[in-house]
All heavy atoms as atom14 arrays in JSON, in Angstrom:
{
  "sequence": "SDFSAVEDLLRRHPDLAALYLVNLGDFSVCRAAREAAGDRPLV",
  "atom14_mask": [
    [1, 1, 1, 1, 1, 1, 0, 0, 0, 0, 0, 0, 0, 0],
    [1, 1, 1, 1, 1, 1, 1, 1, 0, 0, 0, 0, 0, 0],
    [1, 1, 1, 1, 1, 1, 1, 1, 1, 1, 1, 0, 0, 0],
    [1, 1, 1, 1, 1, 1, 0, 0, 0, 0, 0, 0, 0, 0],
    [1, 1, 1, 1, 1, 0, 0, 0, 0, 0, 0, 0, 0, 0],
    [1, 1, 1, 1, 1, 1, 1, 0, 0, 0, 0, 0, 0, 0],
    [1, 1, 1, 1, 1, 1, 1, 1, 1, 0, 0, 0, 0, 0],
    [1, 1, 1, 1, 1, 1, 1, 1, 0, 0, 0, 0, 0, 0],
    [1, 1, 1, 1, 1, 1, 1, 1, 0, 0, 0, 0, 0, 0],
    [1, 1, 1, 1, 1, 1, 1, 1, 0, 0, 0, 0, 0, 0],
    [1, 1, 1, 1, 1, 1, 1, 1, 1, 1, 1, 0, 0, 0],
    [1, 1, 1, 1, 1, 1, 1, 1, 1, 1, 1, 0, 0, 0],
    [1, 1, 1, 1, 1, 1, 1, 1, 1, 1, 0, 0, 0, 0],
    [1, 1, 1, 1, 1, 1, 1, 0, 0, 0, 0, 0, 0, 0],
    [1, 1, 1, 1, 1, 1, 1, 1, 0, 0, 0, 0, 0, 0],
    [1, 1, 1, 1, 1, 1, 1, 1, 0, 0, 0, 0, 0, 0],
    [1, 1, 1, 1, 1, 0, 0, 0, 0, 0, 0, 0, 0, 0],
    [1, 1, 1, 1, 1, 0, 0, 0, 0, 0, 0, 0, 0, 0],
    [1, 1, 1, 1, 1, 1, 1, 1, 0, 0, 0, 0, 0, 0],
    [1, 1, 1, 1, 1, 1, 1, 1, 1, 1, 1, 1, 0, 0],
    [1, 1, 1, 1, 1, 1, 1, 1, 0, 0, 0, 0, 0, 0],
    [1, 1, 1, 1, 1, 1, 1, 0, 0, 0, 0, 0, 0, 0],
    [1, 1, 1, 1, 1, 1, 1, 1, 0, 0, 0, 0, 0, 0],
    [1, 1, 1, 1, 1, 1, 1, 1, 0, 0, 0, 0, 0, 0],
    [1, 1, 1, 1, 0, 0, 0, 0, 0, 0, 0, 0, 0, 0],
    [1, 1, 1, 1, 1, 1, 1, 1, 0, 0, 0, 0, 0, 0],
    [1, 1, 1, 1, 1, 1, 1, 1, 1, 1, 1, 0, 0, 0],
    [1, 1, 1, 1, 1, 1, 0, 0, 0, 0, 0, 0, 0, 0],
    [1, 1, 1, 1, 1, 1, 1, 0, 0, 0, 0, 0, 0, 0],
    [1, 1, 1, 1, 1, 1, 0, 0, 0, 0, 0, 0, 0, 0],
    [1, 1, 1, 1, 1, 1, 1, 1, 1, 1, 1, 0, 0, 0],
    [1, 1, 1, 1, 1, 0, 0, 0, 0, 0, 0, 0, 0, 0],
    [1, 1, 1, 1, 1, 0, 0, 0, 0, 0, 0, 0, 0, 0],
    [1, 1, 1, 1, 1, 1, 1, 1, 1, 1, 1, 0, 0, 0],
    [1, 1, 1, 1, 1, 1, 1, 1, 1, 0, 0, 0, 0, 0],
    [1, 1, 1, 1, 1, 0, 0, 0, 0, 0, 0, 0, 0, 0],
    [1, 1, 1, 1, 1, 0, 0, 0, 0, 0, 0, 0, 0, 0],
    [1, 1, 1, 1, 0, 0, 0, 0, 0, 0, 0, 0, 0, 0],
    [1, 1, 1, 1, 1, 1, 1, 1, 0, 0, 0, 0, 0, 0],
    [1, 1, 1, 1, 1, 1, 1, 1, 1, 1, 1, 0, 0, 0],
    [1, 1, 1, 1, 1, 1, 1, 0, 0, 0, 0, 0, 0, 0],
    [1, 1, 1, 1, 1, 1, 1, 1, 0, 0, 0, 0, 0, 0],
    [1, 1, 1, 1, 1, 1, 1, 0, 0, 0, 0, 0, 0, 0]
  ],
  "atom14_positions": [
    [[0.82, -1.21, 0.0], [0.0, 0.0, 0.0], [0.86, 1.27, 0.0], [0.35, 2.36, 0.3], [-0.93, 0.01, 1.22], [-0.17, -0.08, 2.41], [0.0, 0.0, 0.0], [0.0, 0.0, 0.0], [0.0, 0.0, 0.0], [0.0, 0.0, 0.0], [0.0, 0.0, 0.0], [0.0, 0.0, 0.0], [0.0, 0.0, 0.0], [0.0, 0.0, 0.0]],
    [[2.14, 1.13, -0.32], [3.02, 2.29, -0.43], [2.97, 2.8, -1.87], [3.64, 2.27, -2.77], [4.45, 1.91, -0.06], [5.41, 3.08, -0.19], [4.95, 4.22, -0.44], [6.64, 2.84, -0.06], [0.0, 0.0, 0.0], [0.0, 0.0, 0.0], [0.0, 0.0, 0.0], [0.0, 0.0, 0.0], [0.0, 0.0, 0.0], [0.0, 0.0, 0.0]],
    [[2.17, 3.84, -2.1], [1.96, 4.37, -3.44], [2.76, 5.65, -3.69], [2.44, 6.43, -4.58], [0.47, 4.64, -3.68], [-0.41, 3.47, -3.36], [-1.56, 3.63, -2.6], [-0.11, 2.2, -3.83], [-2.38, 2.56, -2.3], [-0.92, 1.11, -3.55], [-2.07, 1.3, -2.78], [0.0, 0.0, 0.0], [0.0, 0.0, 0.0], [0.0, 0.0, 0.0]],
    [[3.78, 5.89, -2.87], [4.51, 7.15, -2.95], [5.14, 7.38, -4.32], [5.21, 8.51, -4.8], [5.58, 7.21, -1.86], [6.45, 6.09, -1.94], [0.0, 0.0, 0.0], [0.0, 0.0, 0.0], [0.0, 0.0, 0.0], [0.0, 0.0, 0.0], [0.0, 0.0, 0.0], [0.0, 0.0, 0.0], [0.0, 0.0, 0.0], [0.0, 0.0, 0.0]],
    [[5.6, 6.31, -4.97], [6.22, 6.47, -6.3], [5.21, 6.95, -7.33], [5.52, 7.77, -8.2], [6.84, 5.14, -6.74], [0.0, 0.0, 0.0], [0.0, 0.0, 0.0], [0.0, 0.0, 0.0], [0.0, 0.0, 0.0], [0.0, 0.0, 0.0], [0.0, 0.0, 0.0], [0.0, 0.0, 0.0], [0.0, 0.0, 0.0], [0.0, 0.0, 0.0]],
    [[3.97, 6.46, -7.23], [2.91, 6.88, -8.14], [2.53, 8.33, -7.86], [2.36, 9.14, -8.79], [1.69, 5.95, -8.01], [0.56, 6.4, -8.94], [2.07, 4.5, -8.3], [0.0, 0.0, 0.0], [0.0, 0.0, 0.0], [0.0, 0.0, 0.0], [0.0, 0.0, 0.0], [0.0, 0.0, 0.0], [0.0, 0.0, 0.0], [0.0, 0.0, 0.0]],
    [[2.4, 8.66, -6.6], [2.05, 10.03, -6.22], [3.15, 11.0, -6.65], [2.86, 12.12, -7.12], [1.82, 10.09, -4.71], [0.59, 9.29, -4.26], [0.59, 8.98, -2.78], [1.66, 9.14, -2.13], [-0.47, 8.57, -2.26], [0.0, 0.0, 0.0], [0.0, 0.0, 0.0], [0.0, 0.0, 0.0], [0.0, 0.0, 0.0], [0.0, 0.0, 0.0]],
    [[4.4, 10.58, -6.52], [5.52, 11.42, -6.96], [5.49, 11.63, -8.47], [5.77, 12.73, -8.96], [6.84, 10.77, -6.54], [8.05, 11.58, -6.97], [8.2, 12.73, -6.5], [8.82, 11.08, -7.82], [0.0, 0.0, 0.0], [0.0, 0.0, 0.0], [0.0, 0.0, 0.0], [0.0, 0.0, 0.0], [0.0, 0.0, 0.0], [0.0, 0.0, 0.0]],
    [[5.15, 10.58, -9.22], [5.04, 10.7, -10.68], [4.02, 11.77, -11.05], [4.27, 12.62, -11.93], [4.61, 9.35, -11.27], [4.26, 9.34, -12.77], [5.51, 9.57, -13.62], [3.61, 8.01, -13.15], [0.0, 0.0, 0.0], [0.0, 0.0, 0.0], [0.0, 0.0, 0.0], [0.0, 0.0, 0.0], [0.0, 0.0, 0.0], [0.0, 0.0, 0.0]],
    [[2.89, 11.79, -10.37], [1.85, 12.77, -10.67], [2.26, 14.18, -10.24], [1.91, 15.16, -10.91], [0.54, 12.36, -9.98], [-0.13, 11.13, -10.61], [-1.15, 10.52, -9.66], [-0.8, 11.51, -11.92], [0.0, 0.0, 0.0], [0.0, 0.0, 0.0], [0.0, 0.0, 0.0], [0.0, 0.0, 0.0], [0.0, 0.0, 0.0], [0.0, 0.0, 0.0]],
    [[3.02, 14.29, -9.16], [3.48, 15.61, -8.72], [4.5, 16.18, -9.71], [4.48, 17.37, -10.01], [4.09, 15.52, -7.32], [3.09, 15.55, -6.18], [3.78, 15.8, -4.85], [4.69, 14.71, -4.52], [4.34, 13.63, -3.82], [3.09, 13.51, -3.4], [5.23, 12.69, -3.55], [0.0, 0.0, 0.0], [0.0, 0.0, 0.0], [0.0, 0.0, 0.0]],
    [[5.38, 15.32, -10.2], [6.43, 15.78, -11.1], [5.92, 16.1, -12.5], [6.57, 16.79, -13.26], [7.54, 14.73, -11.18], [8.38, 14.62, -9.91], [9.57, 13.7, -10.09], [9.2, 12.3, -10.27], [9.21, 11.65, -11.42], [9.59, 12.28, -12.54], [8.85, 10.38, -11.5], [0.0, 0.0, 0.0], [0.0, 0.0, 0.0], [0.0, 0.0, 0.0]],
    [[4.76, 15.58, -12.83], [4.19, 15.8, -14.16], [2.75, 16.33, -14.02], [1.78, 15.59, -14.2], [4.2, 14.52, -14.98], [5.56, 13.96, -15.24], [6.39, 14.45, -16.22], [6.26, 12.96, -14.62], [7.53, 13.77, -16.22], [7.48, 12.87, -15.26], [0.0, 0.0, 0.0], [0.0, 0.0, 0.0], [0.0, 0.0, 0.0], [0.0, 0.0, 0.0]],
    [[2.62, 17.62, -13.69], [1.27, 18.18, -13.51], [0.46, 18.21, -14.79], [-0.76, 18.41, -14.75], [1.57, 19.61, -13.01], [2.96, 19.9, -13.47], [3.68, 18.6, -13.43], [0.0, 0.0, 0.0], [0.0, 0.0, 0.0], [0.0, 0.0, 0.0], [0.0, 0.0, 0.0], [0.0, 0.0, 0.0], [0.0, 0.0, 0.0], [0.0, 0.0, 0.0]],
    [[1.11, 17.97, -15.93], [0.4, 17.96, -17.21], [0.08, 16.54, -17.67], [-0.32, 16.33, -18.82], [1.24, 18.66, -18.28], [2.63, 18.03, -18.45], [3.07, 17.31, -17.52], [3.27, 18.28, -19.49], [0.0, 0.0, 0.0], [0.0, 0.0, 0.0], [0.0, 0.0, 0.0], [0.0, 0.0, 0.0], [0.0, 0.0, 0.0], [0.0, 0.0, 0.0]],
    [[0.23, 15.56, -16.77], [-0.03, 14.17, -17.15], [-1.51, 14.01, -17.52], [-2.4, 14.31, -16.74], [0.32, 13.24, -15.98], [0.63, 11.78, -16.33], [1.95, 11.68, -17.08], [0.68, 10.94, -15.06], [0.0, 0.0, 0.0], [0.0, 0.0, 0.0], [0.0, 0.0, 0.0], [0.0, 0.0, 0.0], [0.0, 0.0, 0.0], [0.0, 0.0, 0.0]],
    [[-1.75, 13.5, -18.73], [-3.13, 13.33, -19.21], [-3.69, 11.94, -18.89], [-4.91, 11.78, -18.73], [-3.19, 13.56, -20.72], [0.0, 0.0, 0.0], [0.0, 0.0, 0.0], [0.0, 0.0, 0.0], [0.0, 0.0, 0.0], [0.0, 0.0, 0.0], [0.0, 0.0, 0.0], [0.0, 0.0, 0.0], [0.0, 0.0, 0.0], [0.0, 0.0, 0.0]],
    [[-2.82, 10.94, -18.81], [-3.28, 9.57, -18.6], [-2.25, 8.78, -17.8], [-1.05, 9.06, -17.84], [-3.55, 8.88, -19.93], [0.0, 0.0, 0.0], [0.0, 0.0, 0.0], [0.0, 0.0, 0.0], [0.0, 0.0, 0.0], [0.0, 0.0, 0.0], [0.0, 0.0, 0.0], [0.0, 0.0, 0.0], [0.0, 0.0, 0.0], [0.0, 0.0, 0.0]],
    [[-2.75, 7.79, -17.07], [-1.9, 6.9, -16.29], [-2.29, 5.46, -16.63], [-3.46, 5.08, -16.49], [-2.07, 7.15, -14.8], [-1.29, 6.25, -13.85], [0.22, 6.46, -14.02], [-1.69, 6.48, -12.41], [0.0, 0.0, 0.0], [0.0, 0.0, 0.0], [0.0, 0.0, 0.0], [0.0, 0.0, 0.0], [0.0, 0.0, 0.0], [0.0, 0.0, 0.0]],
    [[-1.33, 4.66, -17.06], [-1.57, 3.24, -17.35], [-1.02, 2.43, -16.19], [0.18, 2.4, -15.94], [-0.89, 2.86, -18.66], [-1.03, 1.38, -19.03], [-2.19, 0.66, -18.74], [0.01, 0.71, -19.66], [-2.33, -0.67, -19.08], [-0.11, -0.64, -20.02], [-1.28, -1.31, -19.73], [-1.4, -2.65, -20.07], [0.0, 0.0, 0.0], [0.0, 0.0, 0.0]],
    [[-1.92, 1.77, -15.45], [-1.54, 0.9, -14.35], [-1.45, -0.52, -14.9], [-2.47, -1.18, -15.11], [-2.55, 1.01, -13.21], [-2.55, 2.36, -12.49], [-3.78, 2.54, -11.64], [-1.29, 2.5, -11.64], [0.0, 0.0, 0.0], [0.0, 0.0, 0.0], [0.0, 0.0, 0.0], [0.0, 0.0, 0.0], [0.0, 0.0, 0.0], [0.0, 0.0, 0.0]],
    [[-0.24, -1.0, -15.12], [-0.04, -2.24, -15.87], [-0.47, -3.46, -15.06], [-1.37, -4.2, -15.46], [1.45, -2.38, -16.28], [1.63, -3.61, -17.16], [1.91, -1.13, -17.01], [0.0, 0.0, 0.0], [0.0, 0.0, 0.0], [0.0, 0.0, 0.0], [0.0, 0.0, 0.0], [0.0, 0.0, 0.0], [0.0, 0.0, 0.0], [0.0, 0.0, 0.0]],
    [[0.18, -3.72, -13.94], [-0.2, -4.82, -13.05], [-0.57, -4.24, -11.7], [0.15, -3.39, -11.17], [0.94, -5.83, -12.9], [1.15, -6.66, -14.16], [0.29, -6.7, -15.03], [2.28, -7.33, -14.26], [0.0, 0.0, 0.0], [0.0, 0.0, 0.0], [0.0, 0.0, 0.0], [0.0, 0.0, 0.0], [0.0, 0.0, 0.0], [0.0, 0.0, 0.0]],
    [[-1.65, -4.72, -11.14], [-2.14, -4.16, -9.89], [-2.02, -5.18, -8.77], [-2.44, -6.32, -8.91], [-3.6, -3.73, -10.03], [-3.85, -2.61, -11.05], [-5.34, -2.34, -11.2], [-3.15, -1.34, -10.62], [0.0, 0.0, 0.0], [0.0, 0.0, 0.0], [0.0, 0.0, 0.0], [0.0, 0.0, 0.0], [0.0, 0.0, 0.0], [0.0, 0.0, 0.0]],
    [[-1.47, -4.78, -7.65], [-1.46, -5.61, -6.46], [-2.6, -5.15, -5.57], [-3.68, -5.73, -5.54], [0.0, 0.0, 0.0], [0.0, 0.0, 0.0], [0.0, 0.0, 0.0], [0.0, 0.0, 0.0], [0.0, 0.0, 0.0], [0.0, 0.0, 0.0], [0.0, 0.0, 0.0], [0.0, 0.0, 0.0], [0.0, 0.0, 0.0], [0.0, 0.0, 0.0]],
    [[-2.39, -4.04, -4.87], [-3.44, -3.41, -4.07], [-4.19, -2.45, -5.0], [-3.66, -1.42, -5.42], [-2.8, -2.66, -2.9], [-3.85, -2.08, -1.95], [-5.01, -1.91, -2.38], [-3.49, -1.79, -0.8], [0.0, 0.0, 0.0], [0.0, 0.0, 0.0], [0.0, 0.0, 0.0], [0.0, 0.0, 0.0], [0.0, 0.0, 0.0], [0.0, 0.0, 0.0]],
    [[-5.44, -2.78, -5.31], [-6.18, -2.01, -6.3], [-6.54, -0.6, -5.82], [-6.97, 0.23, -6.61], [-7.46, -2.76, -6.69], [-7.19, -3.92, -7.61], [-6.69, -5.11, -7.12], [-7.42, -3.81, -8.97], [-6.43, -6.19, -7.96], [-7.16, -4.87, -9.82], [-6.66, -6.06, -9.32], [0.0, 0.0, 0.0], [0.0, 0.0, 0.0], [0.0, 0.0, 0.0]],
    [[-6.34, -0.33, -4.54], [-6.62, 1.02, -4.05], [-5.62, 2.03, -4.57], [-5.78, 3.23, -4.36], [-6.66, 1.04, -2.52], [-5.47, 0.55, -1.97], [0.0, 0.0, 0.0], [0.0, 0.0, 0.0], [0.0, 0.0, 0.0], [0.0, 0.0, 0.0], [0.0, 0.0, 0.0], [0.0, 0.0, 0.0], [0.0, 0.0, 0.0], [0.0, 0.0, 0.0]],
    [[-4.59, 1.58, -5.28], [-3.66, 2.51, -5.93], [-4.41, 3.43, -6.9], [-4.02, 4.58, -7.11], [-2.53, 1.76, -6.67], [-3.08, 0.93, -7.83], [-1.46, 2.72, -7.16], [0.0, 0.0, 0.0], [0.0, 0.0, 0.0], [0.0, 0.0, 0.0], [0.0, 0.0, 0.0], [0.0, 0.0, 0.0], [0.0, 0.0, 0.0], [0.0, 0.0, 0.0]],
    [[-5.51, 2.94, -7.45], [-6.31, 3.76, -8.38], [-6.88, 4.98, -7.66], [-6.84, 6.1, -8.18], [-7.43, 2.93, -9.01], [-6.87, 1.47, -9.89], [0.0, 0.0, 0.0], [0.0, 0.0, 0.0], [0.0, 0.0, 0.0], [0.0, 0.0, 0.0], [0.0, 0.0, 0.0], [0.0, 0.0, 0.0], [0.0, 0.0, 0.0], [0.0, 0.0, 0.0]],
    [[-7.4, 4.76, -6.45], [-7.94, 5.88, -5.67], [-6.83, 6.85, -5.27], [-7.0, 8.07, -5.29], [-8.66, 5.36, -4.43], [-9.92, 4.55, -4.72], [-10.68, 4.23, -3.44], [-11.81, 3.37, -3.7], [-13.0, 3.81, -4.15], [-13.17, 5.11, -4.35], [-13.99, 2.96, -4.37], [0.0, 0.0, 0.0], [0.0, 0.0, 0.0], [0.0, 0.0, 0.0]],
    [[-5.68, 6.28, -4.89], [-4.55, 7.12, -4.49], [-4.1, 8.0, -5.65], [-3.78, 9.18, -5.47], [-3.4, 6.25, -4.0], [0.0, 0.0, 0.0], [0.0, 0.0, 0.0], [0.0, 0.0, 0.0], [0.0, 0.0, 0.0], [0.0, 0.0, 0.0], [0.0, 0.0, 0.0], [0.0, 0.0, 0.0], [0.0, 0.0, 0.0], [0.0, 0.0, 0.0]],
    [[-4.07, 7.44, -6.85], [-3.66, 8.21, -8.03], [-4.66, 9.32, -8.32], [-4.29, 10.45, -8.65], [-3.53, 7.29, -9.24], [0.0, 0.0, 0.0], [0.0, 0.0, 0.0], [0.0, 0.0, 0.0], [0.0, 0.0, 0.0], [0.0, 0.0, 0.0], [0.0, 0.0, 0.0], [0.0, 0.0, 0.0], [0.0, 0.0, 0.0], [0.0, 0.0, 0.0]],
    [[-5.95, 9.0, -8.21], [-6.98, 10.01, -8.47], [-6.87, 11.14, -7.46], [-6.98, 12.32, -7.81], [-8.36, 9.36, -8.4], [-9.52, 10.32, -8.59], [-9.52, 10.93, -9.97], [-9.77, 9.92, -11.0], [-9.69, 10.14, -12.3], [-9.32, 11.33, -12.73], [-9.93, 9.18, -13.16], [0.0, 0.0, 0.0], [0.0, 0.0, 0.0], [0.0, 0.0, 0.0]],
    [[-6.63, 10.83, -6.18], [-6.49, 11.86, -5.15], [-5.25, 12.71, -5.4], [-5.27, 13.94, -5.23], [-6.43, 11.21, -3.77], [-7.76, 10.59, -3.33], [-7.64, 9.82, -2.04], [-6.54, 9.87, -1.43], [-8.61, 9.15, -1.64], [0.0, 0.0, 0.0], [0.0, 0.0, 0.0], [0.0, 0.0, 0.0], [0.0, 0.0, 0.0], [0.0, 0.0, 0.0]],
    [[-4.15, 12.06, -5.81], [-2.91, 12.8, -6.07], [-3.06, 13.74, -7.25], [-2.39, 14.77, -7.33], [-1.76, 11.82, -6.32], [0.0, 0.0, 0.0], [0.0, 0.0, 0.0], [0.0, 0.0, 0.0], [0.0, 0.0, 0.0], [0.0, 0.0, 0.0], [0.0, 0.0, 0.0], [0.0, 0.0, 0.0], [0.0, 0.0, 0.0], [0.0, 0.0, 0.0]],
    [[-3.96, 13.41, -8.18], [-4.18, 14.26, -9.35], [-4.94, 15.53, -8.99], [-4.91, 16.52, -9.74], [-4.92, 13.49, -10.43], [0.0, 0.0, 0.0], [0.0, 0.0, 0.0], [0.0, 0.0, 0.0], [0.0, 0.0, 0.0], [0.0, 0.0, 0.0], [0.0, 0.0, 0.0], [0.0, 0.0, 0.0], [0.0, 0.0, 0.0], [0.0, 0.0, 0.0]],
    [[-5.62, 15.53, -7.86], [-6.39, 16.7, -7.44], [-7.56, 16.97, -8.37], [-8.26, 16.03, -8.79], [0.0, 0.0, 0.0], [0.0, 0.0, 0.0], [0.0, 0.0, 0.0], [0.0, 0.0, 0.0], [0.0, 0.0, 0.0], [0.0, 0.0, 0.0], [0.0, 0.0, 0.0], [0.0, 0.0, 0.0], [0.0, 0.0, 0.0], [0.0, 0.0, 0.0]],
    [[-7.76, 18.23, -8.69], [-8.92, 18.61, -9.53], [-8.67, 18.44, -11.02], [-9.61, 18.53, -11.82], [-9.3, 20.07, -9.24], [-9.79, 20.26, -7.82], [-10.33, 19.28, -7.26], [-9.63, 21.37, -7.27], [0.0, 0.0, 0.0], [0.0, 0.0, 0.0], [0.0, 0.0, 0.0], [0.0, 0.0, 0.0], [0.0, 0.0, 0.0], [0.0, 0.0, 0.0]],
    [[-7.43, 18.23, -11.41], [-7.16, 18.13, -12.85], [-7.67, 16.79, -13.39], [-7.7, 15.79, -12.68], [-5.67, 18.25, -13.13], [-4.8, 17.2, -12.45], [-3.35, 17.38, -12.79], [-2.47, 16.76, -11.81], [-1.46, 15.98, -12.13], [-1.2, 15.71, -13.39], [-0.69, 15.47, -11.19], [0.0, 0.0, 0.0], [0.0, 0.0, 0.0], [0.0, 0.0, 0.0]],
    [[-8.09, 16.77, -14.64], [-8.56, 15.51, -15.24], [-7.42, 14.53, -15.42], [-6.29, 14.92, -15.76], [-9.15, 15.95, -16.59], [-8.43, 17.23, -16.91], [-8.18, 17.9, -15.59], [0.0, 0.0, 0.0], [0.0, 0.0, 0.0], [0.0, 0.0, 0.0], [0.0, 0.0, 0.0], [0.0, 0.0, 0.0], [0.0, 0.0, 0.0], [0.0, 0.0, 0.0]],
    [[-7.69, 13.26, -15.18], [-6.68, 12.22, -15.36], [-7.37, 10.94, -15.82], [-8.24, 10.41, -15.13], [-5.91, 11.95, -14.06], [-4.86, 10.83, -14.14], [-3.7, 11.24, -15.04], [-4.37, 10.47, -12.73], [0.0, 0.0, 0.0], [0.0, 0.0, 0.0], [0.0, 0.0, 0.0], [0.0, 0.0, 0.0], [0.0, 0.0, 0.0], [0.0, 0.0, 0.0]],
    [[-6.98, 10.46, -16.98], [-7.48, 9.18, -17.49], [-6.67, 8.06, -16.84], [-5.44, 8.09, -16.85], [-7.33, 9.12, -19.03], [-7.61, 7.71, -19.54], [-8.25, 10.13, -19.68], [0.0, 0.0, 0.0], [0.0, 0.0, 0.0], [0.0, 0.0, 0.0], [0.0, 0.0, 0.0], [0.0, 0.0, 0.0], [0.0, 0.0, 0.0], [0.0, 0.0, 0.0]]
  ]
}
């Protein structure tokens, strides 16, 4: 449940339009990514 690398990816790329989650262990990473994106749209 350590999603810090994903959250860091979103912070470093505020213009990220889409995120491809290839293999999922803890599926709550999807919620963490959406929260890290804030109000901006993210596919």
